[in-house]
């Protein structure tokens, strides 16, 4: 008789928060609430090494497909087309799960429709789309509190299995004044306060929450290069059970391509062959 298959861990609901332009060292200094949870052993923290070039649209695709830009083909910010790779939204939607996002419109172009049509694409509720419930903004200075309250509203209305939350205020102020500026640092404080407002409820509802960034920012008001200031971003992992927290040991540095396959396994999806980099925290035991 064939041996029985090992039991599969139950799927979880996942929220991915991408704080655009957030340097790792600034997060450690300014995100008092998240660092408090780490200090209280209610969260785990590591450093993510972003892919190159450290530009937004290429790294959005890396976060959602688990592939480097040389493979997925989104090599700079002016590449306006849909993703051509298996991605988290499409995999989840095909598996019958509910997807949602509150994000800059480039995510809509990558996963729903390109080019972006503001009247048709800004707000969508369509079960046939990869991002089924989308709220997309078009201005770089769109207020971060509006992003978070929209995300909370989508959770209340649709209970998505996978939700992307993408505030852009840190990147906006970094481009205006640089990463060593008061506005940049203060915007990180604002995002931390927003997370302190909504995270307790999301965790109470059973979500696994990952807080990370696409890239960092340098004092010259730019990113795109190779220095740690732009390549090293934080990862906060929340929503693990006490058993998981006690056994979880995150590597000190995580490759950005590891985030998508890790989310795949939490969602109970098969990791597609295209995601050749292993999860950063393999699941070997039941969750909960």
Foldseek 3Di string as FASTA:
>chain_A
DDDDDPDAADAFFAEEEAAAAAAAVLLVVQLVVLVVCVVVLQKDKAKEFAAAQLAPLQLVCCLFALDHCVPQVCHHDPPQAETPGDGDLQLQLVVVFAAAEEEACSVCRHFFNPPDDCVPRQAAQDSVGSHRGYHHDHDLQDDLLVQLVVQVVCCVPPVGSYYYGYRRQLLVVCLVQNCVDPSNSVVSNVVSVSCVVPVVVVLVVQYWYKYKHSWHTGRNSDGGDDDSRTGIMMIMIHNFDPVCSVVDDFDNYHYSSQNNQQSCSNRVHDRDPVNVDHHRTDDDDHTD
